[in-house]
Structure formats: C-alpha cells, structure tokens
Amino acid sequence: RYALAELYNNEEHHQQQHGLTFDNKEILLLIFCTTSSPHLGVSQETFVELPKWIEPYVATAMQQQTMNDLFGTHNSTVVMDMCHSTSNNAAADSPKNNNNRDYLYPLQQFRKRIAVANAYNTDFLVSVSSAAFLSSDSNSVHHHQDHNTTTATTMRLMKNMEHVALQVTTPTTTRDDEDDDDNQNSSTCVNSLDRLGWHKIFMDTRTILPSWLQLSTPKLKTQLSYTSKELQTQFKRYGTLLPIAHPLNMANSRTGWYRSMTKSGQPIMDALAELLILDMIELSEKQQT
C-alpha cells in the first residue's frame, strides 16, 4: 500500500482512466491482494501481547525503521497515515509529505481487493486483527459469502477447502461524516479500509498440526453478516501452541528445508492463485468491453 501511493505520486507514472502507465505501457489495476500483511501494524498485536511500554525497546533492539513503523514507536505514524484520505488535493500540493499523501485513493482504483488472514492465533508474525483489519471498537459490517449462496454473477470465491474458515465481503461505501480522520486509532483505520470494499478470507490451518498442538475453540455461528468486533472476538482466540501458519500461507520454497516444512501450504497457495487468475481474466475482459 505504501509503494502503491509512491507510484501514484511519482511523476514518471502517469495516471490513466483504468490504471497507470510506465514507460508507455499501461498497468491495469485489477486486483490488490495481501496475504498475512500487518495492515494495522504489530503494536498490541503480537502472539504474546507485550506491555505497551516495552514495545519501543523491542523496536529499538531490532535496529530497523520497519519495526518502528510497525510498532508505531519513535514518532512513526506511517501505519495510521496509510488508513486515511487527504482532502482538498493536499497530496498533490505536498507530494513529498507522507502525512499529506493519499494512500487510500490508489487502493480504491483496483477493481477488487482481497485480504487473506490466519485465524485463531496460528500466525506468529501477523495477527488476524492486523491482517484482516478488525477492531473490537468497530461495527463495520462483513457479509458472509459461501458457495451455496454466491453465484458467478455476484462474486467468485476461493474454492472450498478444509482450511478456509470463512469468507466475507465488506461493501464499498462513502465516508461517514461522524468519522474523524484526525482521530488516529485502530477503529477509524479499520473503518477507512473496510469502506473501500474487500473480499476477506480467513484461514484455519490447525489440522495440519499434530492434534496435541491444537487448542479447541468455539465453533463460529453461521450468520448472514458479522461485525468487525464479532469476527475479532471469534478469530483472535488461541487455537494452537505452535503458530506456524505464516510460512504456510506463502508456501515458502527458497530452500529445501523450507519447501519440506511448508509443503502442506501449497494447496492453499494453489487455490488462491486460481482465484486471482480467474478474477483477473474476467475483470480484464470486462474492462476492455
């Protein structure tokens, strides 16, 4: 999302009706997809929740600006900045100022947005709240989608497989006048992102683990829709003693050891790749007509 705004503010990338051009080549903005990405950062979102006062020390120990950004320490506000739109063309007036840059407008230009998140604290690096931008203070509505009720004319879903716990969508809506963009907190960030319209896919990979590493959790009650708060309450529960879902969702194969460890995640990546390819074909054909 940060790089996307950089592209839009780079004079070498010219905005077109349906996308961008670079070196005289058109870039179609069809699908924006993230897998286990920390949209809300990691502050108060670590597998073992850290006291707030310890987070600056952890970020400093890592000696990386990225950790300051993710923890929101040492005056870094980039995570919250990326959740809010500018007004009155402020971004155009101050393109080099991150606080004035509009990070949501470029994201809004995509025909579809997908966020994949690991449920039940099975991901050591990225919480479900951060990956799917959920908040206990948000009532943002998420509509339940399944293969029995969703048709090809409405939305294509990730194919049914045992690791897909739930698929939901948030409707594209306009900004609520009651929302204060200057009030930078997780709930306003969640609401700002949800208003763009998303297809969220919650994964539960506990069955890949030995049974003695699995922790039981209450079954999700089937509803037509859920609030952000309800989803966070359900999926933030601890479901394992060994949170290894993050590399599974990437099917990391850069070494033989990684390949053997994450091979169980290959069907997940295959299903996601199939969804992306079919969606891109459909959306590109519609855009050309």
C-alpha atoms as a PDB file:
ATOM      1  CA  ARG A   1       0.000   0.000   0.000  1.00  0.00           C
ATOM      2  CA  TYR A   2       2.888   2.350   0.721  1.00  0.00           C
ATOM      3  CA  ALA A   3       4.600   1.554  -2.568  1.00  0.00           C
ATOM      4  CA  LEU A   4       1.313   1.977  -4.430  1.00  0.00           C
ATOM      5  CA  ALA A   5       0.980   5.550  -3.180  1.00  0.00           C
ATOM      6  CA  GLU A   6       4.612   6.136  -4.169  1.00  0.00           C
ATOM      7  CA  LEU A   7       3.771   5.035  -7.717  1.00  0.00           C
ATOM      8  CA  TYR A   8       0.818   7.410  -7.875  1.00  0.00           C
ATOM      9  CA  ASN A   9       2.940  10.295  -6.636  1.00  0.00           C
ATOM     10  CA  ASN A  10       5.834   9.536  -8.962  1.00  0.00           C
ATOM     11  CA  GLU A  11       5.813  11.871 -11.932  1.00  0.00           C
ATOM     12  CA  GLU A  12       7.132   9.078 -14.172  1.00  0.00           C
ATOM     13  CA  HIS A  13       3.948   7.045 -13.596  1.00  0.00           C
ATOM     14  CA  HIS A  14       1.056   8.771 -15.326  1.00  0.00           C
ATOM     15  CA  GLN A  15      -2.476   8.136 -14.149  1.00  0.00           C
ATOM     16  CA  GLN A  16      -4.946   6.840 -16.705  1.00  0.00           C
ATOM     17  CA  GLN A  17      -8.671   6.151 -16.565  1.00  0.00           C
ATOM     18  CA  HIS A  18      -8.239   2.487 -15.612  1.00  0.00           C
ATOM     19  CA  GLY A  19      -4.743   2.448 -14.149  1.00  0.00           C
ATOM     20  CA  LEU A  20      -1.207   3.735 -14.599  1.00  0.00           C
ATOM     21  CA  THR A  21       1.298   3.902 -17.409  1.00  0.00           C
ATOM     22  CA  PHE A  22       5.001   3.352 -17.033  1.00  0.00           C
ATOM     23  CA  ASP A  23       7.463   3.597 -19.898  1.00  0.00           C
ATOM     24  CA  ASN A  24       4.450   3.964 -22.228  1.00  0.00           C
ATOM     25  CA  LYS A  25       2.983   0.657 -21.010  1.00  0.00           C
ATOM     26  CA  GLU A  26      -0.442   0.595 -19.387  1.00  0.00           C
ATOM     27  CA  ILE A  27      -0.803  -1.066 -15.985  1.00  0.00           C
ATOM     28  CA  LEU A  28      -4.319  -2.304 -15.280  1.00  0.00           C
ATOM     29  CA  LEU A  29      -5.315  -2.071 -11.639  1.00  0.00           C
ATOM     30  CA  LEU A  30      -7.399  -5.237 -11.414  1.00  0.00           C
ATOM     31  CA  ILE A  31      -6.776  -6.993  -8.088  1.00  0.00           C
ATOM     32  CA  PHE A  32      -4.954  -5.925  -4.951  1.00  0.00           C
ATOM     33  CA  CYS A  33      -4.247  -8.959  -2.768  1.00  0.00           C
ATOM     34  CA  THR A  34      -2.428  -9.297   0.539  1.00  0.00           C
ATOM     35  CA  THR A  35      -1.635 -12.458   2.498  1.00  0.00           C
ATOM     36  CA  SER A  36      -0.953 -12.110   6.219  1.00  0.00           C
ATOM     37  CA  SER A  37       0.061  -8.454   5.909  1.00  0.00           C
ATOM     38  CA  PRO A  38       0.180  -6.254   9.052  1.00  0.00           C
ATOM     39  CA  HIS A  39      -2.207  -3.518   7.886  1.00  0.00           C
ATOM     40  CA  LEU A  40      -2.638  -2.268  11.471  1.00  0.00           C
ATOM     41  CA  GLY A  41       0.980  -2.780  12.475  1.00  0.00           C
ATOM     42  CA  VAL A  42       2.018  -5.025  15.370  1.00  0.00           C
ATOM     43  CA  SER A  43       1.502  -2.817  18.411  1.00  0.00           C
ATOM     44  CA  GLN A  44      -0.586  -4.830  20.900  1.00  0.00           C
ATOM     45  CA  GLU A  45      -0.937  -7.457  18.153  1.00  0.00           C
ATOM     46  CA  THR A  46       1.980  -9.809  18.892  1.00  0.00           C
ATOM     47  CA  PHE A  47       1.367 -13.513  19.549  1.00  0.00           C
ATOM     48  CA  VAL A  48       2.217 -12.912  23.223  1.00  0.00           C
ATOM     49  CA  GLU A  49       0.907  -9.416  23.848  1.00  0.00           C
ATOM     50  CA  LEU A  50       3.654  -7.109  25.088  1.00  0.00           C
ATOM     51  CA  PRO A  51       3.098  -4.292  27.575  1.00  0.00           C
ATOM     52  CA  LYS A  52       2.892  -1.019  25.669  1.00  0.00           C
ATOM     53  CA  TRP A  53       5.947   0.409  27.437  1.00  0.00           C
ATOM     54  CA  ILE A  54       8.159  -2.478  26.274  1.00  0.00           C
ATOM     55  CA  GLU A  55       7.372  -2.071  22.562  1.00  0.00           C
ATOM     56  CA  PRO A  56       9.787   0.886  21.958  1.00  0.00           C
ATOM     57  CA  TYR A  57      12.631  -1.164  23.414  1.00  0.00           C
ATOM     58  CA  VAL A  58      11.793  -4.150  21.219  1.00  0.00           C
ATOM     59  CA  ALA A  59      11.645  -1.931  18.140  1.00  0.00           C
ATOM     60  CA  THR A  60      14.981  -0.336  19.045  1.00  0.00           C
ATOM     61  CA  ALA A  61      16.613  -3.726  19.600  1.00  0.00           C
ATOM     62  CA  MET A  62      15.637  -4.766  16.059  1.00  0.00           C
ATOM     63  CA  GLN A  63      17.546  -1.738  14.699  1.00  0.00           C
ATOM     64  CA  GLN A  64      15.180  -1.396  11.754  1.00  0.00           C
ATOM     65  CA  GLN A  65      12.962   1.526  10.777  1.00  0.00           C
ATOM     66  CA  THR A  66      10.353  -1.027   9.710  1.00  0.00           C
ATOM     67  CA  MET A  67       9.917  -2.135  13.331  1.00  0.00           C
ATOM     68  CA  ASN A  68       9.473   1.471  14.478  1.00  0.00           C
ATOM     69  CA  ASP A  69       6.783   1.833  11.812  1.00  0.00           C
ATOM     70  CA  LEU A  70       5.005  -1.414  12.727  1.00  0.00           C
ATOM     71  CA  PHE A  71       5.080  -0.732  16.473  1.00  0.00           C
ATOM     72  CA  GLY A  72       4.294   2.960  15.978  1.00  0.00           C
ATOM     73  CA  THR A  73       7.270   3.956  18.115  1.00  0.00           C
ATOM     74  CA  HIS A  74       9.807   6.788  17.906  1.00  0.00           C
ATOM     75  CA  ASN A  75       7.188   9.138  16.427  1.00  0.00           C
ATOM     76  CA  SER A  76       6.430   6.906  13.456  1.00  0.00           C
ATOM     77  CA  THR A  77       2.829   7.316  12.269  1.00  0.00           C
ATOM     78  CA  VAL A  78       3.066   5.716   8.829  1.00  0.00           C
ATOM     79  CA  VAL A  79       0.692   2.799   9.632  1.00  0.00           C
ATOM     80  CA  MET A  80      -2.069   5.168  10.704  1.00  0.00           C
ATOM     81  CA  ASP A  81      -1.263   7.625   7.901  1.00  0.00           C
ATOM     82  CA  MET A  82      -1.949   4.892   5.352  1.00  0.00           C
ATOM     83  CA  CYS A  83      -5.505   4.490   6.670  1.00  0.00           C
ATOM     84  CA  HIS A  84      -6.720   7.997   5.940  1.00  0.00           C
ATOM     85  CA  SER A  85      -7.566  10.011   2.867  1.00  0.00           C
ATOM     86  CA  THR A  86      -6.408  13.538   2.298  1.00  0.00           C
ATOM     87  CA  SER A  87      -8.808  16.274   1.289  1.00  0.00           C
ATOM     88  CA  ASN A  88      -8.712  19.331  -0.950  1.00  0.00           C
ATOM     89  CA  ASN A  89      -5.931  17.805  -3.035  1.00  0.00           C
ATOM     90  CA  ALA A  90      -3.458  18.115  -0.173  1.00  0.00           C
ATOM     91  CA  ALA A  91      -1.495  15.197  -1.527  1.00  0.00           C
ATOM     92  CA  ALA A  92      -0.987  16.989  -4.806  1.00  0.00           C
ATOM     93  CA  ASP A  93       0.148  20.141  -3.022  1.00  0.00           C
ATOM     94  CA  SER A  94       2.691  18.279  -0.874  1.00  0.00           C
ATOM     95  CA  PRO A  95       3.607  15.059  -2.672  1.00  0.00           C
ATOM     96  CA  LYS A  96       6.730  14.510  -0.583  1.00  0.00           C
ATOM     97  CA  ASN A  97       4.922  14.790   2.729  1.00  0.00           C
ATOM     98  CA  ASN A  98       3.815  11.347   3.937  1.00  0.00           C
ATOM     99  CA  ASN A  99       1.221  12.887   6.260  1.00  0.00           C
ATOM    100  CA  ASN A 100      -0.495  14.544   3.286  1.00  0.00           C
ATOM    101  CA  ARG A 101      -0.187  11.666   0.858  1.00  0.00           C
ATOM    102  CA  ASP A 102      -3.436   9.908  -0.004  1.00  0.00           C
ATOM    103  CA  TYR A 103      -2.840   6.184   0.474  1.00  0.00           C
ATOM    104  CA  LEU A 104      -6.453   5.125   0.034  1.00  0.00           C
ATOM    105  CA  TYR A 105      -7.199   6.670  -3.363  1.00  0.00           C
ATOM    106  CA  PRO A 106      -4.745   4.470  -5.319  1.00  0.00           C
ATOM    107  CA  LEU A 107      -6.038   1.402  -3.460  1.00  0.00           C
ATOM    108  CA  GLN A 108      -9.591   2.382  -4.356  1.00  0.00           C
ATOM    109  CA  GLN A 109      -8.753   2.247  -8.068  1.00  0.00           C
ATOM    110  CA  PHE A 110      -8.453  -1.548  -8.076  1.00  0.00           C
ATOM    111  CA  ARG A 111     -11.453  -3.482  -9.318  1.00  0.00           C
ATOM    112  CA  LYS A 112     -11.203  -5.938  -6.419  1.00  0.00           C
ATOM    113  CA  ARG A 113      -9.335  -6.088  -3.105  1.00  0.00           C
ATOM    114  CA  ILE A 114      -8.550  -9.344  -1.274  1.00  0.00           C
ATOM    115  CA  ALA A 115      -7.105  -9.839   2.210  1.00  0.00           C
ATOM    116  CA  VAL A 116      -6.079 -13.303   3.439  1.00  0.00           C
ATOM    117  CA  ALA A 117      -5.634 -13.709   7.201  1.00  0.00           C
ATOM    118  CA  ASN A 118      -4.783 -16.563   9.555  1.00  0.00           C
ATOM    119  CA  ALA A 119      -7.406 -17.134  12.249  1.00  0.00           C
ATOM    120  CA  TYR A 120      -7.103 -18.409  15.829  1.00  0.00           C
ATOM    121  CA  ASN A 121      -3.626 -17.018  16.521  1.00  0.00           C
ATOM    122  CA  THR A 122      -1.985 -19.543  14.224  1.00  0.00           C
ATOM    123  CA  ASP A 123       0.300 -16.842  12.789  1.00  0.00           C
ATOM    124  CA  PHE A 124       3.223 -15.840  14.998  1.00  0.00           C
ATOM    125  CA  LEU A 125       4.172 -12.774  12.944  1.00  0.00           C
ATOM    126  CA  VAL A 126       0.847 -11.179  11.931  1.00  0.00           C
ATOM    127  CA  SER A 127      -2.349 -11.246  13.960  1.00  0.00           C
ATOM    128  CA  VAL A 128      -5.748 -11.815  12.395  1.00  0.00           C
ATOM    129  CA  SER A 129      -6.771  -8.329  13.540  1.00  0.00           C
ATOM    130  CA  SER A 130      -3.915  -6.722  11.632  1.00  0.00           C
ATOM    131  CA  ALA A 131      -4.096  -8.947   8.538  1.00  0.00           C
ATOM    132  CA  ALA A 132      -7.880  -8.569   8.142  1.00  0.00           C
ATOM    133  CA  PHE A 133      -8.075  -5.123   9.835  1.00  0.00           C
ATOM    134  CA  LEU A 134     -10.544  -5.988  12.573  1.00  0.00           C
ATOM    135  CA  SER A 135     -11.277  -3.975  15.706  1.00  0.00           C
ATOM    136  CA  SER A 136     -13.214  -4.555  18.898  1.00  0.00           C
ATOM    137  CA  ASP A 137     -14.398  -0.940  18.593  1.00  0.00           C
ATOM    138  CA  SER A 138     -15.725  -1.257  15.051  1.00  0.00           C
ATOM    139  CA  ASN A 139     -19.192  -2.292  13.906  1.00  0.00           C
ATOM    140  CA  SER A 140     -18.183  -2.416  10.250  1.00  0.00           C
ATOM    141  CA  VAL A 141     -20.439  -4.984   8.568  1.00  0.00           C
ATOM    142  CA  HIS A 142     -18.984  -8.071   6.858  1.00  0.00           C
ATOM    143  CA  HIS A 143     -21.360 -10.113   4.691  1.00  0.00           C
ATOM    144  CA  HIS A 144     -20.970 -13.883   4.835  1.00  0.00           C
ATOM    145  CA  GLN A 145     -20.214 -15.492   1.469  1.00  0.00           C
ATOM    146  CA  ASP A 146     -20.327 -19.199   0.685  1.00  0.00           C
ATOM    147  CA  HIS A 147     -20.577 -21.383  -2.390  1.00  0.00           C
ATOM    148  CA  ASN A 148     -24.215 -22.277  -1.672  1.00  0.00           C
ATOM    149  CA  THR A 149     -25.436 -18.689  -1.835  1.00  0.00           C
ATOM    150  CA  THR A 150     -22.863 -16.926  -4.033  1.00  0.00           C
ATOM    151  CA  THR A 151     -23.152 -17.198  -7.821  1.00  0.00           C
ATOM    152  CA  ALA A 152     -20.675 -16.391 -10.546  1.00  0.00           C
ATOM    153  CA  THR A 153     -22.646 -13.245 -11.328  1.00  0.00           C
ATOM    154  CA  THR A 154     -22.006 -11.804  -7.877  1.00  0.00           C
ATOM    155  CA  MET A 155     -18.550 -12.842  -6.684  1.00  0.00           C
ATOM    156  CA  ARG A 156     -16.048 -15.604  -7.246  1.00  0.00           C
ATOM    157  CA  LEU A 157     -14.846 -17.199  -4.020  1.00  0.00           C
ATOM    158  CA  MET A 158     -11.749 -19.139  -3.090  1.00  0.00           C
ATOM    159  CA  LYS A 159     -12.637 -22.768  -3.690  1.00  0.00           C
ATOM    160  CA  ASN A 160     -13.990 -24.819  -0.802  1.00  0.00           C
ATOM    161  CA  MET A 161     -11.178 -26.464   1.119  1.00  0.00           C
ATOM    162  CA  GLU A 162     -10.813 -27.568   4.705  1.00  0.00           C
ATOM    163  CA  HIS A 163      -8.513 -24.688   5.635  1.00  0.00           C
ATOM    164  CA  VAL A 164     -10.941 -21.915   4.624  1.00  0.00           C
ATOM    165  CA  ALA A 165     -12.736 -20.954   7.838  1.00  0.00           C
ATOM    166  CA  LEU A 166     -14.824 -18.092   6.458  1.00  0.00           C
ATOM    167  CA  GLN A 167     -15.147 -15.743   3.507  1.00  0.00           C
ATOM    168  CA  VAL A 168     -16.776 -12.344   3.887  1.00  0.00           C
ATOM    169  CA  THR A 169     -17.091  -9.111   1.953  1.00  0.00           C
ATOM    170  CA  THR A 170     -17.375  -5.512   3.041  1.00  0.00           C
ATOM    171  CA  PRO A 171     -19.462  -3.204   0.839  1.00  0.00           C
ATOM    172  CA  THR A 172     -17.977  -0.177  -0.880  1.00  0.00           C
ATOM    173  CA  THR A 173     -19.390   2.818   0.941  1.00  0.00           C
ATOM    174  CA  THR A 174     -18.758   6.528   1.280  1.00  0.00           C
ATOM    175  CA  ARG A 175     -17.094   8.169   4.224  1.00  0.00           C
ATOM    176  CA  ASP A 176     -19.193   8.504   7.374  1.00  0.00           C
ATOM    177  CA  ASP A 177     -19.373  12.132   8.460  1.00  0.00           C
ATOM    178  CA  GLU A 178     -19.028  11.003  12.056  1.00  0.00           C
ATOM    179  CA  ASP A 179     -15.583   9.558  11.373  1.00  0.00           C
ATOM    180  CA  ASP A 180     -12.768  11.890  12.307  1.00  0.00           C
ATOM    181  CA  ASP A 181      -9.676  11.375  10.154  1.00  0.00           C
ATOM    182  CA  ASP A 182      -7.620  13.305  12.708  1.00  0.00           C
ATOM    183  CA  ASN A 183      -8.522  10.743  15.370  1.00  0.00           C
ATOM    184  CA  GLN A 184      -5.888   8.174  14.511  1.00  0.00           C
ATOM    185  CA  ASN A 185      -6.718   4.857  16.148  1.00  0.00           C
ATOM    186  CA  SER A 186      -7.291   1.277  15.054  1.00  0.00           C
ATOM    187  CA  SER A 187     -11.077   1.534  14.727  1.00  0.00           C
ATOM    188  CA  THR A 188     -11.011   4.553  12.395  1.00  0.00           C
ATOM    189  CA  CYS A 189      -8.267   2.811  10.440  1.00  0.00           C
ATOM    190  CA  VAL A 190     -10.394  -0.333  10.166  1.00  0.00           C
ATOM    191  CA  ASN A 191     -13.459   1.625   9.041  1.00  0.00           C
ATOM    192  CA  SER A 192     -11.486   3.580   6.446  1.00  0.00           C
ATOM    193  CA  LEU A 193     -10.107   0.421   4.875  1.00  0.00           C
ATOM    194  CA  ASP A 194     -13.380  -1.512   5.044  1.00  0.00           C
ATOM    195  CA  ARG A 195     -15.231   1.260   3.187  1.00  0.00           C
ATOM    196  CA  LEU A 196     -13.153   0.512   0.094  1.00  0.00           C
ATOM    197  CA  GLY A 197     -14.849  -2.894  -0.243  1.00  0.00           C
ATOM    198  CA  TRP A 198     -12.912  -6.113   0.417  1.00  0.00           C
ATOM    199  CA  HIS A 199     -13.087  -9.865  -0.006  1.00  0.00           C
ATOM    200  CA  LYS A 200     -11.620 -11.244   3.220  1.00  0.00           C
ATOM    201  CA  ILE A 201     -10.565 -14.880   3.517  1.00  0.00           C
ATOM    202  CA  PHE A 202      -9.922 -16.354   6.964  1.00  0.00           C
ATOM    203  CA  MET A 203      -7.711 -19.437   7.049  1.00  0.00           C
ATOM    204  CA  ASP A 204      -7.575 -22.104   9.769  1.00  0.00           C
ATOM    205  CA  THR A 205      -4.578 -24.414   9.290  1.00  0.00           C
ATOM    206  CA  ARG A 206      -4.683 -26.165  12.640  1.00  0.00           C
ATOM    207  CA  THR A 207      -5.483 -29.551  11.102  1.00  0.00           C
ATOM    208  CA  ILE A 208      -2.010 -29.560   9.552  1.00  0.00           C
ATOM    209  CA  LEU A 209      -0.538 -29.740  13.051  1.00  0.00           C
ATOM    210  CA  PRO A 210      -0.436 -32.787  15.342  1.00  0.00           C
ATOM    211  CA  SER A 211      -3.586 -32.996  17.472  1.00  0.00           C
ATOM    212  CA  TRP A 212      -1.703 -32.333  20.710  1.00  0.00           C
ATOM    213  CA  LEU A 213      -0.722 -28.882  19.408  1.00  0.00           C
ATOM    214  CA  GLN A 214      -4.310 -27.919  18.589  1.00  0.00           C
ATOM    215  CA  LEU A 215      -6.474 -25.977  21.028  1.00  0.00           C
ATOM    216  CA  SER A 216     -10.237 -26.195  20.730  1.00  0.00           C
ATOM    217  CA  THR A 217     -12.219 -23.035  20.052  1.00  0.00           C
ATOM    218  CA  PRO A 218     -15.968 -22.343  19.958  1.00  0.00           C
ATOM    219  CA  LYS A 219     -17.483 -23.047  16.564  1.00  0.00           C
ATOM    220  CA  LEU A 220     -18.287 -19.974  14.511  1.00  0.00           C
ATOM    221  CA  LYS A 221     -22.025 -19.369  14.438  1.00  0.00           C
ATOM    222  CA  THR A 222     -23.310 -19.097  10.869  1.00  0.00           C
ATOM    223  CA  GLN A 223     -24.832 -15.679  10.222  1.00  0.00           C
ATOM    224  CA  LEU A 224     -25.728 -13.604   7.177  1.00  0.00           C
ATOM    225  CA  SER A 225     -23.327 -10.933   8.382  1.00  0.00           C
ATOM    226  CA  TYR A 226     -20.855 -10.193  11.141  1.00  0.00           C
ATOM    227  CA  THR A 227     -19.448  -7.026  12.630  1.00  0.00           C
ATOM    228  CA  SER A 228     -15.740  -6.402  12.784  1.00  0.00           C
ATOM    229  CA  LYS A 229     -15.958  -6.797  16.554  1.00  0.00           C
ATOM    230  CA  GLU A 230     -17.670 -10.194  16.277  1.00  0.00           C
ATOM    231  CA  LEU A 231     -15.063 -11.514  13.871  1.00  0.00           C
ATOM    232  CA  GLN A 232     -12.204 -10.307  16.026  1.00  0.00           C
ATOM    233  CA  THR A 233     -13.726 -11.899  19.124  1.00  0.00           C
ATOM    234  CA  GLN A 234     -14.067 -15.225  17.295  1.00  0.00           C
ATOM    235  CA  PHE A 235     -10.785 -15.402  15.433  1.00  0.00           C
ATOM    236  CA  LYS A 236      -8.448 -13.823  17.984  1.00  0.00           C
ATOM    237  CA  ARG A 237      -8.802 -16.862  20.255  1.00  0.00           C
ATOM    238  CA  TYR A 238      -5.737 -19.053  20.699  1.00  0.00           C
ATOM    239  CA  GLY A 239      -6.088 -22.188  18.602  1.00  0.00           C
ATOM    240  CA  THR A 240      -2.577 -23.620  18.722  1.00  0.00           C
ATOM    241  CA  LEU A 241       0.610 -23.915  20.751  1.00  0.00           C
ATOM    242  CA  LEU A 242       2.724 -23.723  17.583  1.00  0.00           C
ATOM    243  CA  PRO A 243       1.816 -20.724  15.371  1.00  0.00           C
ATOM    244  CA  ILE A 244       3.397 -21.713  12.035  1.00  0.00           C
ATOM    245  CA  ALA A 245       0.696 -20.552   9.624  1.00  0.00           C
ATOM    246  CA  HIS A 246       2.629 -17.550   8.276  1.00  0.00           C
ATOM    247  CA  PRO A 247       5.120 -19.525   6.141  1.00  0.00           C
ATOM    248  CA  LEU A 248       2.322 -21.920   5.130  1.00  0.00           C
ATOM    249  CA  ASN A 249       0.404 -19.058   3.550  1.00  0.00           C
ATOM    250  CA  MET A 250       3.395 -18.329   1.366  1.00  0.00           C
ATOM    251  CA  ALA A 251       4.418 -21.946   0.682  1.00  0.00           C
ATOM    252  CA  ASN A 252       7.970 -20.655   1.042  1.00  0.00           C
ATOM    253  CA  SER A 253      10.309 -22.813  -1.029  1.00  0.00           C
ATOM    254  CA  ARG A 254      13.521 -20.791  -1.144  1.00  0.00           C
ATOM    255  CA  THR A 255      15.414 -23.726   0.389  1.00  0.00           C
ATOM    256  CA  GLY A 256      14.827 -27.472   0.535  1.00  0.00           C
ATOM    257  CA  TRP A 257      14.184 -27.245   4.280  1.00  0.00           C
ATOM    258  CA  TYR A 258      11.571 -24.506   3.817  1.00  0.00           C
ATOM    259  CA  ARG A 259       9.964 -26.447   0.980  1.00  0.00           C
ATOM    260  CA  SER A 260       9.540 -29.558   3.114  1.00  0.00           C
ATOM    261  CA  MET A 261       8.230 -27.546   6.067  1.00  0.00           C
ATOM    262  CA  THR A 262       5.655 -25.567   4.081  1.00  0.00           C
ATOM    263  CA  LYS A 263       4.533 -28.154   1.516  1.00  0.00           C
ATOM    264  CA  SER A 264       1.221 -28.518   3.354  1.00  0.00           C
ATOM    265  CA  GLY A 265       0.506 -24.900   2.453  1.00  0.00           C
ATOM    266  CA  GLN A 266       0.860 -25.494  -1.276  1.00  0.00           C
ATOM    267  CA  PRO A 267      -2.860 -26.322  -1.790  1.00  0.00           C
ATOM    268  CA  ILE A 268      -3.717 -23.010  -0.106  1.00  0.00           C
ATOM    269  CA  MET A 269      -1.499 -21.058  -2.490  1.00  0.00           C
ATOM    270  CA  ASP A 270      -2.788 -23.061  -5.463  1.00  0.00           C
ATOM    271  CA  ALA A 271      -6.385 -22.196  -4.556  1.00  0.00           C
ATOM    272  CA  LEU A 272      -5.540 -18.519  -4.098  1.00  0.00           C
ATOM    273  CA  ALA A 273      -3.616 -18.430  -7.390  1.00  0.00           C
ATOM    274  CA  GLU A 274      -6.604 -19.967  -9.170  1.00  0.00           C
ATOM    275  CA  LEU A 275      -8.912 -17.326  -7.692  1.00  0.00           C
ATOM    276  CA  LEU A 276      -6.579 -14.491  -8.716  1.00  0.00           C
ATOM    277  CA  ILE A 277      -6.073 -15.723 -12.275  1.00  0.00           C
ATOM    278  CA  LEU A 278      -9.765 -16.331 -12.951  1.00  0.00           C
ATOM    279  CA  ASP A 279     -10.687 -12.968 -11.445  1.00  0.00           C
ATOM    280  CA  MET A 280      -8.045 -11.140 -13.472  1.00  0.00           C
ATOM    281  CA  ILE A 281      -9.192 -12.756 -16.704  1.00  0.00           C
ATOM    282  CA  GLU A 282     -12.812 -11.822 -16.012  1.00  0.00           C
ATOM    283  CA  LEU A 283     -12.054  -8.279 -14.882  1.00  0.00           C
ATOM    284  CA  SER A 284      -9.714  -7.549 -17.790  1.00  0.00           C
ATOM    285  CA  GLU A 285     -12.312  -8.790 -20.292  1.00  0.00           C
ATOM    286  CA  LYS A 286     -14.980  -6.593 -18.715  1.00  0.00           C
ATOM    287  CA  GLN A 287     -12.661  -3.603 -18.752  1.00  0.00           C
ATOM    288  CA  GLN A 288     -11.941  -3.992 -22.447  1.00  0.00           C
ATOM    289  CA  THR A 289     -15.630  -4.135 -23.433  1.00  0.00           C
END
